[in-house]
Amino acid sequence: MLLRHTLVYFSAQVVASVLGFASLALYTHLTTPADFGLFRVVMTGVLLTNAVLFQWLTASALRFVSSAANHARFLSTILVMFVVVLFFADAAGLTALPFLPSRRTQLLWVMGIVLVSLQAWFGLNLSIVRAQLRPLAYGRLTVLRTGLVLVTSVGLINLGFKVWGLLGGASVGLLLPILLFTRSTWRGINLREFDKALVGRLLSYGLPLSASLSFSYVIEGSDRLLLGWLSGPASTGVYSAGYDLVQNALGAVMGIVNSAAFPLAVNALESGDSESATAQLRTNFSMLLAIALPAAVGLSIVSSQVARALLGVSFQVGAARLMPWVALGVLLSGLRAYYVDHAFQLGNRTELQIVVLGIGGATNVLLNLLLIPLIGPLGAAYSTVAAYGVALAIGILLSHKAFQLPMPVVDPLKVLVATALMAVAISPFRSSDGVPALVLEGAGGSCVYFVSLLLLNGLGLRTKLVRWALALTR
């Protein structure tokens, strides 16, 4: 089931990632680093606000909807709590509006409020779809959003709206999928079935997780905010271009595996079969590493080629210098978020994540304040790697207090060997330029990696292929 769900999520995410790459390429060709940087600062604020106020609800929905005794009552309770939080969040945001220093800042603030509301509702619906094991619906939502953002943003930029076009495109990309999918997700829900007893359970699980997710966004987003403050929006734009390239590739790939893997682990655990849950988690980790490690190494090797092929001229050099460091940071972050953190969620000890990510967030902010004035965007990249490394190490140390995660060794070693062989194979060609050369390198490296993993029987691939071949011949 993991492989089948992963393939569905993978197909959807590939389309979304291709559209994401196209978006980034067009944005960096059509806007200046300052405009793009300002857009990323606003979006960072939106995501941070969403993490603080709403992620506890989306995480609770993902964790408990499949095991809820009364599905309609559970969703009714989630919906009421969402509406209450949204009302107070928007009211607080509008109250602050008159105190902002300029009309432009006020307009950006209003756009931020709109985007927070849309992002929160979209994220909640996406989480419920995942928990219900509906990967096709998840894929449609993801692809539709990304495509609408691209088309709308480019259209508005070409009409001369610049940063406002980017923000408007992000809003439309969230709004239309919400209008199309909300009814099917919430059909038959009666708000009078609100369950007060359930609120305490959701709060005890979700609030510590929300705090930890907020710290996670501090690690991921404080670099952009501090770059904008200490070095200006142009530096933020260059840094964001390099970071977004890596995130759209490596982060998306790791997210694919997690989207399929975590609900399966939850279902196995809820069934009461601890052996099945352990086996599922072992498979989840091996699959995550098998996809993420070669992607991170390959992306680091061809970072200059990727930047020249996709980004506008004013973004290329700076982004290429940052990408190998960002790839390492995203890899460390993904291993923590998509595997180690599952111990805290499956063991209902999400308060431990506050310690993990709080220390990581503090590390990132302090290092950013120290390094950005000295070396600019590169200092932000170094800070991110250090913060994610610290968070991963502390997470591993604390995870046994919540849930005993299996740590497989044999398959990860095979993945490491196959990745090294892939790196040796593609390194001589990293000086070539152009999209065709980049595609050939990617295809060649992927073939070397897959064949190496197959020969090593990593993840049992050779065994499975032999079994399938025998089944076909019968």
Protein backbone atom coordinates (compact mmCIF):
# COMPACT_ATOMS: atom_id res chain seq x y z
CA MET A 1 0.00 0.00 0.00
CA LEU A 2 2.88 2.38 0.76
CA LEU A 3 4.28 1.91 -2.74
CA ARG A 4 0.86 2.40 -4.37
CA HIS A 5 0.06 5.53 -2.37
CA THR A 6 3.58 6.86 -2.87
CA LEU A 7 3.20 6.50 -6.64
CA VAL A 8 -0.06 8.46 -6.57
CA TYR A 9 1.40 11.20 -4.39
CA PHE A 10 4.56 11.14 -6.47
CA SER A 11 2.67 11.66 -9.74
CA ALA A 12 0.75 14.60 -8.32
CA GLN A 13 3.79 16.13 -6.69
CA VAL A 14 5.89 15.76 -9.85
CA VAL A 15 3.34 17.81 -11.75
CA ALA A 16 3.16 20.34 -8.91
CA SER A 17 6.96 20.50 -8.70
CA VAL A 18 7.33 21.03 -12.44
CA LEU A 19 4.82 23.86 -12.20
CA GLY A 20 6.72 25.15 -9.17
CA PHE A 21 9.98 25.18 -11.10
CA ALA A 22 8.25 26.94 -13.99
CA SER A 23 6.81 29.49 -11.58
CA LEU A 24 10.17 30.21 -9.98
CA ALA A 25 11.87 30.51 -13.36
CA LEU A 26 9.24 32.93 -14.64
CA TYR A 27 9.12 34.98 -11.44
CA THR A 28 12.89 35.46 -11.39
CA HIS A 29 12.86 36.49 -15.06
CA LEU A 30 9.86 38.81 -14.75
CA THR A 31 10.57 40.48 -11.40
CA THR A 32 13.55 42.01 -9.62
CA PRO A 33 15.24 40.41 -6.60
CA ALA A 34 13.72 43.17 -4.45
CA ASP A 35 10.14 42.47 -5.59
CA PHE A 36 10.54 38.74 -5.28
CA GLY A 37 12.18 39.18 -1.89
CA LEU A 38 9.30 41.30 -0.60
CA PHE A 39 6.83 38.67 -1.77
CA ARG A 40 8.77 35.95 0.04
CA VAL A 41 8.89 38.03 3.24
CA VAL A 42 5.08 38.36 3.19
CA MET A 43 4.61 34.65 2.48
CA THR A 44 7.02 33.75 5.26
CA GLY A 45 4.90 35.78 7.67
CA VAL A 46 1.78 34.06 6.38
CA LEU A 47 3.21 30.58 6.90
CA LEU A 48 4.54 31.43 10.34
CA THR A 49 1.15 32.82 11.42
CA ASN A 50 -0.58 29.75 10.03
CA ALA A 51 1.79 27.49 11.96
CA VAL A 52 1.18 29.32 15.23
CA LEU A 53 -2.60 29.53 14.98
CA PHE A 54 -3.86 26.66 12.82
CA GLN A 55 -1.35 23.85 12.45
CA TRP A 56 -2.47 22.24 15.70
CA LEU A 57 -5.91 21.72 14.15
CA THR A 58 -4.61 20.30 10.87
CA ALA A 59 -2.21 18.01 12.75
CA SER A 60 -4.99 16.81 15.05
CA ALA A 61 -7.22 16.09 12.08
CA LEU A 62 -4.47 14.07 10.40
CA ARG A 63 -3.72 12.11 13.57
CA PHE A 64 -7.25 11.30 14.80
CA VAL A 65 -9.79 11.44 11.98
CA SER A 66 -9.16 7.83 10.92
CA SER A 67 -9.74 6.54 14.48
CA ALA A 68 -12.70 8.78 15.38
CA ALA A 69 -15.65 6.76 16.63
CA ASN A 70 -18.08 9.31 15.20
CA HIS A 71 -16.62 10.81 12.04
CA ALA A 72 -19.26 13.52 11.60
CA ARG A 73 -18.98 14.65 15.23
CA PHE A 74 -15.20 14.82 14.98
CA LEU A 75 -15.31 16.98 11.83
CA SER A 76 -18.03 19.20 13.33
CA THR A 77 -15.82 19.85 16.34
CA ILE A 78 -12.82 20.60 14.13
CA LEU A 79 -14.90 23.01 12.04
CA VAL A 80 -16.25 24.96 15.00
CA MET A 81 -12.80 25.33 16.52
CA PHE A 82 -11.39 26.49 13.17
CA VAL A 83 -14.05 29.18 12.79
CA VAL A 84 -13.45 30.47 16.31
CA VAL A 85 -9.69 30.73 15.85
CA LEU A 86 -10.08 32.33 12.42
CA PHE A 87 -12.48 34.97 13.75
CA PHE A 88 -10.14 36.11 16.51
CA ALA A 89 -7.08 35.94 14.25
CA ASP A 90 -8.64 38.16 11.57
CA ALA A 91 -10.04 40.54 14.19
CA ALA A 92 -6.60 40.93 15.77
CA GLY A 93 -5.00 41.49 12.37
CA LEU A 94 -7.48 44.19 11.38
CA THR A 95 -7.13 45.90 14.77
CA ALA A 96 -3.41 46.39 14.12
CA LEU A 97 -4.01 47.93 10.68
CA PRO A 98 -4.27 51.64 11.71
CA PHE A 99 -0.92 51.49 13.52
CA LEU A 100 1.11 50.50 10.45
CA PRO A 101 3.45 53.22 9.08
CA SER A 102 2.38 53.52 5.42
CA ARG A 103 -0.46 52.76 3.05
CA ARG A 104 1.69 50.24 1.17
CA THR A 105 2.46 48.41 4.40
CA GLN A 106 -1.25 48.41 5.25
CA LEU A 107 -2.12 46.87 1.88
CA LEU A 108 0.54 44.21 2.31
CA TRP A 109 -0.84 43.50 5.78
CA VAL A 110 -4.38 43.07 4.42
CA MET A 111 -3.10 40.69 1.73
CA GLY A 112 -1.35 38.78 4.50
CA ILE A 113 -4.60 38.45 6.47
CA VAL A 114 -6.41 37.15 3.39
CA LEU A 115 -3.65 34.66 2.64
CA VAL A 116 -3.51 33.41 6.24
CA SER A 117 -7.25 32.68 6.15
CA LEU A 118 -7.11 30.92 2.79
CA GLN A 119 -3.97 28.95 3.63
CA ALA A 120 -5.42 27.77 6.94
CA TRP A 121 -8.63 26.47 5.38
CA PHE A 122 -6.81 24.88 2.43
CA GLY A 123 -4.35 23.17 4.77
CA LEU A 124 -7.12 21.79 6.98
CA ASN A 125 -8.94 20.29 4.00
CA LEU A 126 -5.72 18.83 2.63
CA SER A 127 -4.96 17.22 5.99
CA ILE A 128 -8.37 15.58 6.19
CA VAL A 129 -8.04 14.25 2.65
CA ARG A 130 -4.69 12.68 3.59
CA ALA A 131 -6.08 11.15 6.78
CA GLN A 132 -8.94 9.60 4.80
CA LEU A 133 -6.34 7.91 2.53
CA ARG A 134 -7.58 9.75 -0.58
CA PRO A 135 -4.36 10.37 -2.49
CA LEU A 136 -6.15 11.15 -5.76
CA ALA A 137 -8.12 13.98 -4.16
CA TYR A 138 -4.91 15.23 -2.53
CA GLY A 139 -3.21 15.21 -5.92
CA ARG A 140 -5.99 17.13 -7.62
CA LEU A 141 -5.96 19.80 -4.90
CA THR A 142 -2.19 20.18 -5.03
CA VAL A 143 -1.89 20.36 -8.82
CA LEU A 144 -4.87 22.67 -9.23
CA ARG A 145 -3.50 25.10 -6.67
CA THR A 146 -0.01 25.21 -8.17
CA GLY A 147 -1.29 25.64 -11.71
CA LEU A 148 -3.65 28.46 -10.76
CA VAL A 149 -0.91 30.27 -8.84
CA LEU A 150 1.37 30.12 -11.88
CA VAL A 151 -1.16 31.29 -14.47
CA THR A 152 -2.66 34.04 -12.33
CA SER A 153 0.66 35.38 -11.03
CA VAL A 154 2.30 35.56 -14.46
CA GLY A 155 -0.77 37.24 -15.91
CA LEU A 156 -0.86 39.88 -13.19
CA ILE A 157 2.91 40.49 -13.37
CA ASN A 158 2.66 41.07 -17.11
CA LEU A 159 -0.08 43.60 -16.42
CA GLY A 160 2.42 45.53 -14.31
CA PHE A 161 1.36 44.53 -10.79
CA LYS A 162 4.79 43.12 -9.77
CA VAL A 163 4.75 42.07 -6.11
CA TRP A 164 0.97 42.54 -5.98
CA GLY A 165 0.66 40.12 -8.89
CA LEU A 166 2.59 37.48 -6.97
CA LEU A 167 0.40 37.93 -3.89
CA GLY A 168 -2.78 37.97 -5.97
CA GLY A 169 -1.78 34.77 -7.73
CA ALA A 170 -1.13 33.06 -4.41
CA SER A 171 -4.61 34.08 -3.23
CA VAL A 172 -6.42 32.84 -6.34
CA GLY A 173 -4.48 29.57 -6.24
CA LEU A 174 -5.88 28.88 -2.78
CA LEU A 175 -9.39 30.24 -3.28
CA LEU A 176 -10.56 28.25 -6.31
CA PRO A 177 -9.58 24.78 -5.01
CA ILE A 178 -11.29 25.67 -1.74
CA LEU A 179 -14.51 26.50 -3.58
CA LEU A 180 -14.38 23.28 -5.58
CA PHE A 181 -13.45 20.80 -2.84
CA THR A 182 -14.90 22.15 0.40
CA ARG A 183 -18.39 20.80 -0.20
CA SER A 184 -17.28 17.20 -0.80
CA THR A 185 -15.08 17.16 2.29
CA TRP A 186 -17.68 18.64 4.67
CA ARG A 187 -20.90 17.27 3.20
CA GLY A 188 -23.37 16.21 5.90
CA ILE A 189 -21.55 17.93 8.74
CA ASN A 190 -23.88 19.37 11.37
CA LEU A 191 -22.38 22.01 13.67
CA ARG A 192 -24.81 21.01 16.43
CA GLU A 193 -22.83 17.77 16.80
CA PHE A 194 -19.96 19.76 18.31
CA ASP A 195 -18.31 17.61 21.00
CA LYS A 196 -16.99 19.62 23.96
CA ALA A 197 -15.24 16.58 25.42
CA LEU A 198 -13.19 16.22 22.26
CA VAL A 199 -11.81 19.75 22.54
CA GLY A 200 -9.53 18.90 25.45
CA ARG A 201 -8.06 15.92 23.62
CA LEU A 202 -7.36 17.97 20.52
CA LEU A 203 -5.82 20.80 22.53
CA SER A 204 -3.58 18.51 24.57
CA TYR A 205 -2.29 16.88 21.39
CA GLY A 206 -2.28 19.84 19.06
CA LEU A 207 -1.05 22.83 21.06
CA PRO A 208 2.39 21.42 21.87
CA LEU A 209 2.66 20.34 18.26
CA SER A 210 1.63 23.82 17.12
CA ALA A 211 4.36 25.33 19.26
CA SER A 212 6.92 22.96 17.80
CA LEU A 213 5.73 23.67 14.25
CA SER A 214 6.00 27.37 14.96
CA PHE A 215 9.61 26.89 15.97
CA SER A 216 10.10 24.84 12.81
CA TYR A 217 8.93 27.78 10.74
CA VAL A 218 11.22 30.02 12.75
CA ILE A 219 14.11 27.84 11.59
CA GLU A 220 12.87 27.88 8.00
CA GLY A 221 11.60 31.44 7.78
CA SER A 222 13.62 33.60 10.15
CA ASP A 223 16.47 33.71 7.64
CA ARG A 224 14.26 35.49 5.09
CA LEU A 225 12.84 37.91 7.63
CA LEU A 226 16.27 38.72 9.08
CA LEU A 227 17.83 39.04 5.63
CA GLY A 228 15.13 41.53 4.69
CA TRP A 229 15.82 43.50 7.84
CA LEU A 230 19.62 43.33 7.91
CA SER A 231 20.48 43.15 4.22
CA GLY A 232 17.41 44.34 2.28
CA PRO A 233 14.70 42.64 0.17
CA ALA A 234 17.07 42.05 -2.78
CA SER A 235 19.21 39.72 -0.65
CA THR A 236 16.05 37.97 0.48
CA GLY A 237 15.04 37.55 -3.15
CA VAL A 238 18.32 35.89 -4.18
CA TYR A 239 18.35 33.67 -1.10
CA SER A 240 14.70 32.69 -1.60
CA ALA A 241 15.30 31.78 -5.23
CA GLY A 242 18.06 29.34 -4.28
CA TYR A 243 16.13 28.00 -1.30
CA ASP A 244 12.89 27.58 -3.27
CA LEU A 245 14.67 25.67 -6.04
CA VAL A 246 15.93 23.13 -3.52
CA GLN A 247 12.67 23.02 -1.60
CA ASN A 248 10.63 22.45 -4.76
CA ALA A 249 12.85 19.50 -5.63
CA LEU A 250 14.16 17.86 -2.48
CA GLY A 251 11.54 19.06 -0.01
CA ALA A 252 8.74 18.02 -2.34
CA VAL A 253 10.23 14.55 -2.85
CA MET A 254 10.48 13.96 0.90
CA GLY A 255 6.97 15.30 1.37
CA ILE A 256 5.68 12.78 -1.16
CA VAL A 257 6.94 9.84 0.86
CA ASN A 258 5.64 11.32 4.10
CA SER A 259 2.20 12.01 2.65
CA ALA A 260 1.81 8.32 1.88
CA ALA A 261 3.82 6.87 4.77
CA PHE A 262 2.59 8.60 7.92
CA PRO A 263 -1.15 7.77 7.56
CA LEU A 264 -0.20 4.11 6.98
CA ALA A 265 1.90 4.10 10.16
CA VAL A 266 -0.98 5.67 12.09
CA ASN A 267 -3.44 3.07 10.79
CA ALA A 268 -1.07 0.23 11.65
CA LEU A 269 -0.63 1.56 15.17
CA GLU A 270 -4.36 2.14 15.69
CA SER A 271 -5.05 -1.45 14.62
CA GLY A 272 -3.15 -2.63 17.70
CA ASP A 273 -0.57 -4.59 15.71
CA SER A 274 2.74 -3.29 17.05
CA GLU A 275 4.80 -5.55 14.80
CA SER A 276 3.07 -4.22 11.69
CA ALA A 277 3.56 -0.65 12.90
CA THR A 278 7.27 -1.24 13.47
CA ALA A 279 7.67 -2.87 10.07
CA GLN A 280 5.82 0.01 8.44
CA LEU A 281 8.02 2.58 10.15
CA ARG A 282 11.17 0.72 9.11
CA THR A 283 9.94 0.73 5.52
CA ASN A 284 9.05 4.42 5.78
CA PHE A 285 12.55 5.41 6.88
CA SER A 286 14.30 3.33 4.23
CA MET A 287 12.05 4.71 1.50
CA LEU A 288 12.55 8.28 2.70
CA LEU A 289 16.32 8.00 2.71
CA ALA A 290 16.44 6.10 -0.57
CA ILE A 291 14.70 8.96 -2.35
CA ALA A 292 16.05 11.97 -0.45
CA LEU A 293 19.79 11.24 -0.20
CA PRO A 294 20.52 10.83 -3.94
CA ALA A 295 18.30 13.82 -4.69
CA ALA A 296 20.24 16.02 -2.24
CA VAL A 297 23.66 14.88 -3.47
CA GLY A 298 22.71 15.17 -7.14
CA LEU A 299 21.22 18.61 -6.67
CA SER A 300 24.35 19.83 -4.89
CA ILE A 301 26.59 18.60 -7.71
CA VAL A 302 24.59 20.30 -10.49
CA SER A 303 23.55 23.41 -8.52
CA SER A 304 25.30 25.87 -10.86
CA GLN A 305 23.73 24.23 -13.92
CA VAL A 306 20.27 24.31 -12.35
CA ALA A 307 20.60 27.99 -11.43
CA ARG A 308 21.80 28.96 -14.94
CA ALA A 309 19.06 26.93 -16.60
CA LEU A 310 16.12 28.13 -14.53
CA LEU A 311 16.76 31.48 -12.84
CA GLY A 312 16.96 35.03 -14.09
CA VAL A 313 20.44 36.47 -14.61
CA SER A 314 20.37 38.63 -11.48
CA PHE A 315 19.63 35.56 -9.32
CA GLN A 316 21.97 32.92 -10.77
CA VAL A 317 25.38 33.37 -9.13
CA GLY A 318 24.12 34.00 -5.61
CA ALA A 319 21.57 31.19 -5.70
CA ALA A 320 24.10 28.65 -7.04
CA ARG A 321 26.45 29.33 -4.12
CA LEU A 322 23.67 28.73 -1.63
CA MET A 323 22.03 25.62 -3.06
CA PRO A 324 24.43 22.87 -1.82
CA TRP A 325 24.13 24.21 1.73
CA VAL A 326 20.37 24.52 1.46
CA ALA A 327 20.18 20.95 0.12
CA LEU A 328 22.03 19.69 3.18
CA GLY A 329 19.75 21.70 5.47
CA VAL A 330 16.56 20.48 3.78
CA LEU A 331 17.80 16.86 3.96
CA LEU A 332 18.46 17.15 7.71
CA SER A 333 15.13 18.89 8.21
CA GLY A 334 13.23 16.24 6.28
CA LEU A 335 14.78 13.34 8.17
CA ARG A 336 13.70 14.98 11.40
CA ALA A 337 10.25 16.14 10.37
CA TYR A 338 9.27 13.10 8.32
CA TYR A 339 10.65 10.39 10.55
CA VAL A 340 12.12 11.35 13.93
CA ASP A 341 9.20 13.65 14.77
CA HIS A 342 6.79 10.78 14.15
CA ALA A 343 7.91 9.34 17.48
CA PHE A 344 6.46 12.34 19.30
CA GLN A 345 3.24 12.25 17.29
CA LEU A 346 2.64 8.51 17.49
CA GLY A 347 3.51 8.49 21.18
CA ASN A 348 1.29 11.54 21.87
CA ARG A 349 4.27 13.36 23.39
CA THR A 350 4.24 16.35 21.07
CA GLU A 351 5.40 18.63 23.86
CA LEU A 352 8.89 17.16 23.40
CA GLN A 353 9.00 18.66 19.92
CA ILE A 354 8.90 22.09 21.53
CA VAL A 355 12.27 21.37 23.11
CA VAL A 356 13.72 20.03 19.85
CA LEU A 357 12.59 22.85 17.63
CA GLY A 358 12.85 25.57 20.23
CA ILE A 359 16.57 24.95 20.53
CA GLY A 360 16.85 24.66 16.76
CA GLY A 361 14.96 27.92 16.24
CA ALA A 362 17.06 29.78 18.81
CA THR A 363 20.22 28.46 17.13
CA ASN A 364 19.05 29.71 13.75
CA VAL A 365 18.09 33.20 14.94
CA LEU A 366 21.31 33.72 16.88
CA LEU A 367 23.54 32.50 14.04
CA ASN A 368 21.61 34.60 11.51
CA LEU A 369 22.11 37.72 13.61
CA LEU A 370 25.81 36.92 13.80
CA LEU A 371 26.54 35.78 10.25
CA ILE A 372 24.22 37.79 7.98
CA PRO A 373 25.97 41.12 8.69
CA LEU A 374 29.31 39.41 7.92
CA ILE A 375 28.60 37.31 4.81
CA GLY A 376 24.99 38.04 3.82
CA PRO A 377 22.81 35.26 2.33
CA LEU A 378 25.55 32.65 2.69
CA GLY A 379 25.48 33.27 6.44
CA ALA A 380 21.76 32.54 6.42
CA ALA A 381 22.44 29.24 4.64
CA TYR A 382 25.12 28.23 7.15
CA SER A 383 22.77 29.10 10.00
CA THR A 384 19.99 26.97 8.53
CA VAL A 385 22.23 23.91 8.20
CA ALA A 386 23.47 24.27 11.77
CA ALA A 387 19.96 24.74 13.16
CA TYR A 388 18.55 21.72 11.34
CA GLY A 389 21.51 19.60 12.42
CA VAL A 390 21.05 20.58 16.06
CA ALA A 391 17.30 19.88 15.89
CA LEU A 392 17.84 16.46 14.30
CA ALA A 393 20.40 15.43 16.92
CA ILE A 394 18.22 16.51 19.85
CA GLY A 395 15.16 14.88 18.27
CA ILE A 396 16.95 11.54 18.04
CA LEU A 397 18.06 11.80 21.67
CA LEU A 398 14.53 12.57 22.94
CA SER A 399 12.50 10.34 20.61
CA HIS A 400 12.85 7.24 22.82
CA LYS A 401 10.91 9.05 25.57
CA ALA A 402 7.82 9.05 23.35
CA PHE A 403 7.92 6.10 20.96
CA GLN A 404 10.61 3.58 20.05
CA LEU A 405 11.36 4.16 16.40
CA PRO A 406 13.18 1.43 14.50
CA MET A 407 16.48 2.55 13.00
CA PRO A 408 17.36 0.23 10.12
CA VAL A 409 21.02 -0.01 9.14
CA VAL A 410 21.43 -2.39 6.19
CA ASP A 411 19.20 -0.62 3.68
CA PRO A 412 20.56 2.87 4.54
CA LEU A 413 24.11 1.59 3.95
CA LYS A 414 23.07 0.25 0.55
CA VAL A 415 21.48 3.60 -0.27
CA LEU A 416 24.70 5.35 0.72
CA VAL A 417 26.80 3.14 -1.57
CA ALA A 418 24.41 3.57 -4.51
CA THR A 419 24.37 7.36 -3.99
CA ALA A 420 28.18 7.49 -3.96
CA LEU A 421 28.31 5.57 -7.27
CA MET A 422 25.78 7.99 -8.75
CA ALA A 423 27.85 10.98 -7.62
CA VAL A 424 30.99 9.57 -9.23
CA ALA A 425 29.09 8.99 -12.46
CA ILE A 426 27.65 12.51 -12.87
CA SER A 427 30.47 14.65 -11.43
CA PRO A 428 32.55 14.80 -14.67
CA PHE A 429 29.62 16.38 -16.54
CA ARG A 430 28.73 19.21 -14.15
CA SER A 431 30.43 21.87 -16.28
CA SER A 432 27.98 21.37 -19.17
CA ASP A 433 25.18 23.89 -19.68
CA GLY A 434 21.59 23.89 -20.86
CA VAL A 435 18.38 22.13 -19.97
CA PRO A 436 18.99 19.13 -22.30
CA ALA A 437 22.36 18.45 -20.65
CA LEU A 438 20.75 18.77 -17.22
CA VAL A 439 18.01 16.32 -18.15
CA LEU A 440 20.54 13.82 -19.49
CA GLU A 441 22.61 14.08 -16.32
CA GLY A 442 19.53 13.55 -14.19
CA ALA A 443 18.41 10.56 -16.23
CA GLY A 444 21.89 9.04 -16.29
CA GLY A 445 22.44 9.56 -12.58
CA SER A 446 19.04 8.08 -11.79
CA CYS A 447 19.82 5.00 -13.88
CA VAL A 448 23.18 4.48 -12.17
CA TYR A 449 21.57 4.86 -8.77
CA PHE A 450 18.66 2.52 -9.50
CA VAL A 451 20.84 -0.18 -11.04
CA SER A 452 23.28 0.04 -8.12
CA LEU A 453 20.45 -0.22 -5.60
CA LEU A 454 18.98 -3.12 -7.56
CA LEU A 455 22.27 -5.04 -7.60
CA LEU A 456 22.65 -4.43 -3.85
CA ASN A 457 19.03 -5.50 -3.32
CA GLY A 458 18.37 -2.28 -1.43
CA LEU A 459 14.80 -2.07 -0.07
CA GLY A 460 14.42 -5.64 -1.37
CA LEU A 461 14.08 -4.32 -4.93
CA ARG A 462 15.77 -7.27 -6.61
CA THR A 463 13.73 -9.75 -4.59
CA LYS A 464 10.49 -7.97 -5.47
CA LEU A 465 11.34 -7.75 -9.16
CA VAL A 466 12.17 -11.45 -9.30
CA ARG A 467 8.91 -12.26 -7.54
CA TRP A 468 6.93 -10.09 -9.96
CA ALA A 469 8.69 -11.63 -12.95
CA LEU A 470 7.91 -15.14 -11.74
CA ALA A 471 4.29 -14.18 -11.16
CA LEU A 472 4.00 -12.85 -14.71
CA THR A 473 5.42 -16.04 -16.23
CA ARG A 474 2.94 -18.28 -14.47
